[in-house]
Amino acid sequence: MPLNLSESALSSLKIGESNVLKGIVGINQVYPNDADITAASFDNATIANSGGNTPYTVSGDIGASFTLQGSLGATPPSGTQVLASSPTTYQIPISSNTACDAASRNSAITILTQGNTVFNPVNLQTTDTITQAAGPVSQTTTGSTMVISVSNVVRNTITIGGQVLWAPGSAWNVSLNYTTGSLGASVAGNLTMRPDGASGPNWTFGGGTPNGFSQVTQYLCRFNPQNAPSTATYFVQVTLTNVNATSVQFNAFLDASGCVNGVPSSTQTAAFYP
């Protein structure tokens, strides 16, 4: 096979030959016997706080080998990588940075040479970063109100050991008035009304889906203030079943999701004794 200087054939390559760029036998480089990495960096400068895959490109000699290390949310492919073409682009997963009030961060990839691979230039920047956006800022509602009104419409009692208890069949009309304040239409999540008896949550709710409530389970009603009028009243009739209770109490909880803090976050009635 011919011996080449770069792509031009040489009749000989001697010790002492000066200014030899590369010695190649056929298609195989025999001089110098190292492989260069000439560039390695993210293709983009920034990424959203939701994260995702972002391109990272490595250029250099075919056969150059290296590993990639990641930090601050960057997860490169594991093991030794070998350039089969140049440039080669890797999709680097960046994890999300969506925690409330999370600071922006510089996710990083560091490239490390393996075997006979070297950096050319020798001062190549081996660590590159991509700036990920900060998480959402916490917000707090103001001016919201929650008021619960309760009336006992069916009174069933039982006396056990000299103590008067609510008995199954006792029922209450419960209304909840909710007034939105700032961020009212942006408050995600549900307002939960949960009546609790001393012996546990054993209740039924009358009228199918009670007025204004979007979800009914064994012991709670829910409504979502999103898209609701600025002031709305939600009504349900609650009946005690299966157990006797020393008292009953009705509580409202604003389960704001995301980075919105609902204030007031809860309200409750006094305990109702038979």
Protein backbone atom coordinates (compact mmCIF):
# COMPACT_ATOMS: atom_id res chain seq x y z
CA MET A 1 0.00 0.00 0.00
CA PRO A 2 1.24 3.53 -0.67
CA LEU A 3 2.39 5.78 2.17
CA ASN A 4 0.79 9.17 1.99
CA LEU A 5 1.54 12.67 3.23
CA SER A 6 -1.99 13.76 4.00
CA GLU A 7 -3.71 12.60 0.78
CA SER A 8 -0.60 12.72 -1.47
CA ALA A 9 1.47 9.60 -1.94
CA LEU A 10 5.06 9.59 -0.63
CA SER A 11 7.83 7.42 -1.91
CA SER A 12 9.16 7.08 1.65
CA LEU A 13 8.65 8.38 5.18
CA LYS A 14 11.94 8.59 7.06
CA ILE A 15 12.94 9.32 10.62
CA GLY A 16 13.92 12.96 10.57
CA GLU A 17 11.34 13.94 7.94
CA SER A 18 10.07 17.42 8.84
CA ASN A 19 6.58 18.99 8.59
CA VAL A 20 4.78 15.70 8.14
CA LEU A 21 1.09 16.29 8.73
CA LYS A 22 -0.09 12.70 8.74
CA GLY A 23 1.25 9.36 7.63
CA ILE A 24 -1.47 7.16 6.18
CA VAL A 25 -1.21 3.60 4.90
CA GLY A 26 -4.20 3.03 2.70
CA ILE A 27 -7.00 4.57 4.75
CA ASN A 28 -5.37 3.95 8.15
CA GLN A 29 -3.47 6.75 9.86
CA VAL A 30 -0.11 5.55 11.12
CA TYR A 31 1.44 8.93 11.97
CA PRO A 32 0.81 10.52 14.34
CA ASN A 33 -0.81 7.63 16.20
CA ASP A 34 -3.33 9.76 18.17
CA ALA A 35 -6.81 11.01 17.25
CA ASP A 36 -7.93 14.58 17.79
CA ILE A 37 -11.10 15.98 19.31
CA THR A 38 -11.40 19.48 17.92
CA ALA A 39 -14.71 20.73 19.34
CA ALA A 40 -17.37 19.69 21.86
CA SER A 41 -20.29 21.82 23.00
CA PHE A 42 -24.04 22.18 23.33
CA ASP A 43 -25.72 23.43 20.19
CA ASN A 44 -28.02 25.73 22.19
CA ALA A 45 -27.35 28.23 24.94
CA THR A 46 -30.59 27.82 26.88
CA ILE A 47 -33.38 25.33 27.60
CA ALA A 48 -36.82 25.71 29.20
CA ASN A 49 -37.39 24.72 32.82
CA SER A 50 -39.47 21.77 31.59
CA GLY A 51 -36.24 20.17 30.34
CA GLY A 52 -36.04 17.60 27.54
CA ASN A 53 -33.43 16.47 25.04
CA THR A 54 -30.94 19.02 23.72
CA PRO A 55 -28.17 18.49 21.11
CA TYR A 56 -24.49 18.27 22.07
CA THR A 57 -22.01 17.99 19.18
CA VAL A 58 -18.50 16.52 19.11
CA SER A 59 -16.08 17.03 16.18
CA GLY A 60 -12.73 15.40 15.51
CA ASP A 61 -10.98 12.48 13.90
CA ILE A 62 -12.86 9.34 13.03
CA GLY A 63 -12.08 6.81 15.76
CA ALA A 64 -11.56 9.40 18.49
CA SER A 65 -12.82 7.94 21.75
CA PHE A 66 -14.11 9.70 24.86
CA THR A 67 -16.59 9.60 27.71
CA LEU A 68 -19.14 12.22 28.73
CA GLN A 69 -20.00 13.23 32.27
CA GLY A 70 -23.06 15.27 33.22
CA SER A 71 -24.12 17.40 36.18
CA LEU A 72 -27.00 19.59 37.36
CA GLY A 73 -29.66 17.71 35.45
CA ALA A 74 -27.67 16.64 32.36
CA THR A 75 -27.51 12.87 31.72
CA PRO A 76 -25.18 11.93 28.82
CA PRO A 77 -24.89 8.44 27.31
CA SER A 78 -22.80 6.11 29.45
CA GLY A 79 -19.64 4.28 28.47
CA THR A 80 -16.95 5.06 25.91
CA GLN A 81 -18.10 6.88 22.78
CA VAL A 82 -16.24 6.55 19.46
CA LEU A 83 -16.64 9.00 16.58
CA ALA A 84 -17.88 7.16 13.51
CA SER A 85 -18.46 10.44 11.68
CA SER A 86 -17.58 14.02 12.33
CA PRO A 87 -19.34 15.95 13.62
CA THR A 88 -21.55 13.63 15.71
CA THR A 89 -24.50 15.01 17.68
CA TYR A 90 -25.76 13.43 20.90
CA GLN A 91 -29.19 14.16 22.37
CA ILE A 92 -28.59 14.97 26.04
CA PRO A 93 -31.60 14.63 28.38
CA ILE A 94 -31.95 17.57 30.76
CA SER A 95 -34.25 16.93 33.73
CA SER A 96 -36.99 19.39 34.63
CA ASN A 97 -36.38 22.37 36.89
CA THR A 98 -40.00 23.18 37.65
CA ALA A 99 -40.00 23.19 41.46
CA CYS A 100 -41.55 26.34 42.85
CA ASP A 101 -38.97 29.14 43.11
CA ALA A 102 -36.16 26.91 41.81
CA ALA A 103 -33.20 29.02 40.66
CA SER A 104 -31.95 28.82 37.10
CA ARG A 105 -29.06 26.40 36.70
CA ASN A 106 -26.22 25.64 34.32
CA SER A 107 -26.50 22.00 33.33
CA ALA A 108 -23.05 20.80 32.26
CA ILE A 109 -21.35 18.15 30.12
CA THR A 110 -17.63 17.38 30.51
CA ILE A 111 -15.80 15.43 27.81
CA LEU A 112 -12.87 13.16 28.77
CA THR A 113 -10.52 11.59 26.21
CA GLN A 114 -9.83 7.86 26.16
CA GLY A 115 -6.88 5.85 24.82
CA ASN A 116 -4.80 7.66 22.20
CA THR A 117 -7.33 10.50 21.77
CA VAL A 118 -6.17 14.02 22.52
CA PHE A 119 -7.66 17.50 22.47
CA ASN A 120 -6.52 19.71 19.60
CA PRO A 121 -6.20 22.53 20.50
CA VAL A 122 -4.79 21.32 23.81
CA ASN A 123 -6.64 24.12 25.65
CA LEU A 124 -10.02 23.02 24.28
CA GLN A 125 -12.82 23.91 26.68
CA THR A 126 -13.78 20.46 27.94
CA THR A 127 -16.84 21.49 30.00
CA ASP A 128 -19.79 23.22 28.36
CA THR A 129 -22.99 24.39 30.00
CA ILE A 130 -26.55 25.13 28.97
CA THR A 131 -28.61 27.54 31.05
CA GLN A 132 -31.92 26.13 32.20
CA ALA A 133 -34.71 28.54 33.09
CA ALA A 134 -35.77 29.03 36.69
CA GLY A 135 -38.84 27.35 38.15
CA PRO A 136 -42.15 29.17 38.47
CA VAL A 137 -42.43 31.85 41.13
CA SER A 138 -44.75 31.18 44.05
CA GLN A 139 -47.83 33.37 44.21
CA THR A 140 -50.33 33.86 47.00
CA THR A 141 -54.01 34.62 46.61
CA THR A 142 -55.41 37.58 48.52
CA GLY A 143 -58.97 38.67 49.14
CA SER A 144 -60.50 35.19 48.97
CA THR A 145 -63.14 34.14 51.50
CA MET A 146 -64.71 30.85 52.51
CA VAL A 147 -67.78 30.63 54.75
CA ILE A 148 -69.57 27.42 55.74
CA SER A 149 -73.21 27.45 56.87
CA VAL A 150 -74.78 24.35 58.44
CA SER A 151 -78.29 23.42 59.60
CA ASN A 152 -79.39 20.12 61.13
CA VAL A 153 -82.38 18.86 59.15
CA VAL A 154 -82.69 15.33 60.55
CA ARG A 155 -81.83 14.63 64.18
CA ASN A 156 -81.29 10.99 65.11
CA THR A 157 -79.59 10.21 68.39
CA ILE A 158 -78.72 7.21 70.51
CA THR A 159 -77.59 7.08 74.14
CA ILE A 160 -74.76 4.70 74.97
CA GLY A 161 -73.29 4.56 78.45
CA GLY A 162 -75.08 7.74 79.36
CA GLN A 163 -73.61 9.64 76.38
CA VAL A 164 -75.85 11.02 73.65
CA LEU A 165 -74.45 10.32 70.16
CA TRP A 166 -75.47 11.19 66.64
CA ALA A 167 -77.03 8.09 65.09
CA PRO A 168 -77.20 6.98 61.45
CA GLY A 169 -79.78 8.92 59.51
CA SER A 170 -78.88 12.28 61.01
CA ALA A 171 -78.56 14.82 58.23
CA TRP A 172 -77.30 18.36 57.70
CA ASN A 173 -77.68 20.93 54.98
CA VAL A 174 -74.23 22.38 54.30
CA SER A 175 -73.54 25.38 52.09
CA LEU A 176 -70.16 26.79 51.24
CA ASN A 177 -69.77 30.33 49.98
CA TYR A 178 -66.50 30.97 48.17
CA THR A 179 -65.37 34.36 46.90
CA THR A 180 -62.34 34.55 44.65
CA GLY A 181 -59.69 37.17 45.18
CA SER A 182 -56.46 37.79 43.33
CA LEU A 183 -55.49 34.88 41.10
CA GLY A 184 -58.98 33.54 41.62
CA ALA A 185 -59.29 32.12 38.13
CA SER A 186 -55.72 30.88 38.24
CA VAL A 187 -55.99 28.83 41.40
CA ALA A 188 -55.57 25.23 40.32
CA GLY A 189 -56.87 22.30 42.30
CA ASN A 190 -60.04 21.80 44.30
CA LEU A 191 -61.85 23.22 47.24
CA THR A 192 -62.67 20.20 49.39
CA MET A 193 -65.47 20.01 51.91
CA ARG A 194 -64.98 17.10 54.24
CA PRO A 195 -67.39 16.31 57.09
CA ASP A 196 -65.77 14.10 59.74
CA GLY A 197 -67.45 12.19 62.53
CA ALA A 198 -65.59 11.08 65.62
CA SER A 199 -65.89 7.46 64.50
CA GLY A 200 -64.69 8.06 60.97
CA PRO A 201 -65.91 9.20 57.56
CA ASN A 202 -69.23 7.44 57.00
CA TRP A 203 -71.51 9.69 55.00
CA THR A 204 -73.80 9.82 52.02
CA PHE A 205 -74.57 12.87 49.92
CA GLY A 206 -78.05 13.60 48.65
CA GLY A 207 -79.25 14.65 45.23
CA GLY A 208 -76.70 12.87 43.06
CA THR A 209 -74.02 15.44 42.29
CA PRO A 210 -74.81 18.20 44.77
CA ASN A 211 -75.23 21.76 43.58
CA GLY A 212 -71.93 23.17 42.35
CA PHE A 213 -69.80 20.19 43.30
CA SER A 214 -67.98 18.35 40.53
CA GLN A 215 -66.95 15.25 42.47
CA VAL A 216 -68.49 13.26 45.28
CA THR A 217 -66.79 10.36 47.07
CA GLN A 218 -67.56 8.50 50.26
CA TYR A 219 -66.78 11.37 52.55
CA LEU A 220 -65.92 14.50 50.59
CA CYS A 221 -67.24 16.86 47.97
CA ARG A 222 -65.08 18.85 45.60
CA PHE A 223 -65.40 21.82 43.34
CA ASN A 224 -62.88 23.62 41.24
CA PRO A 225 -62.93 27.42 41.51
CA GLN A 226 -61.38 27.75 38.06
CA ASN A 227 -63.87 29.33 35.68
CA ALA A 228 -66.33 29.76 38.56
CA PRO A 229 -68.14 33.06 39.19
CA SER A 230 -66.31 35.48 41.46
CA THR A 231 -68.78 34.56 44.20
CA ALA A 232 -70.47 31.17 44.27
CA THR A 233 -72.39 29.07 46.78
CA TYR A 234 -72.12 25.28 46.80
CA PHE A 235 -74.74 23.18 48.57
CA VAL A 236 -75.00 19.56 49.70
CA GLN A 237 -77.09 17.52 52.13
CA VAL A 238 -74.94 15.19 54.20
CA THR A 239 -76.32 12.12 55.98
CA LEU A 240 -74.49 10.12 58.63
CA THR A 241 -74.46 6.37 57.93
CA ASN A 242 -73.21 3.19 59.57
CA VAL A 243 -71.68 4.69 62.72
CA ASN A 244 -72.53 6.70 65.79
CA ALA A 245 -70.62 9.94 66.29
CA THR A 246 -69.96 12.04 69.36
CA SER A 247 -69.82 15.14 67.17
CA VAL A 248 -69.60 16.27 63.57
CA GLN A 249 -67.59 19.05 62.00
CA PHE A 250 -67.40 20.49 58.50
CA ASN A 251 -64.13 21.70 56.99
CA ALA A 252 -63.24 23.40 53.73
CA PHE A 253 -59.78 23.06 52.23
CA LEU A 254 -58.40 24.95 49.26
CA ASP A 255 -56.00 22.55 47.56
CA ALA A 256 -54.23 24.99 45.29
CA SER A 257 -51.82 23.21 42.97
CA GLY A 258 -48.72 24.33 41.18
CA CYS A 259 -47.06 27.33 42.78
CA VAL A 260 -50.21 29.12 43.92
CA ASN A 261 -50.78 29.28 47.66
CA GLY A 262 -54.42 29.68 48.53
CA VAL A 263 -55.16 32.09 51.39
CA PRO A 264 -57.23 31.35 53.33
CA SER A 265 -56.27 27.73 52.79
CA SER A 266 -58.97 26.31 55.05
CA THR A 267 -61.91 27.09 57.29
CA GLN A 268 -64.08 24.99 59.54
CA THR A 269 -67.20 25.02 61.64
CA ALA A 270 -67.39 24.37 65.34
CA ALA A 271 -68.16 20.81 66.38
CA PHE A 272 -71.89 19.98 66.38
CA TYR A 273 -72.99 17.84 69.33
CA PRO A 274 -76.38 16.11 69.58
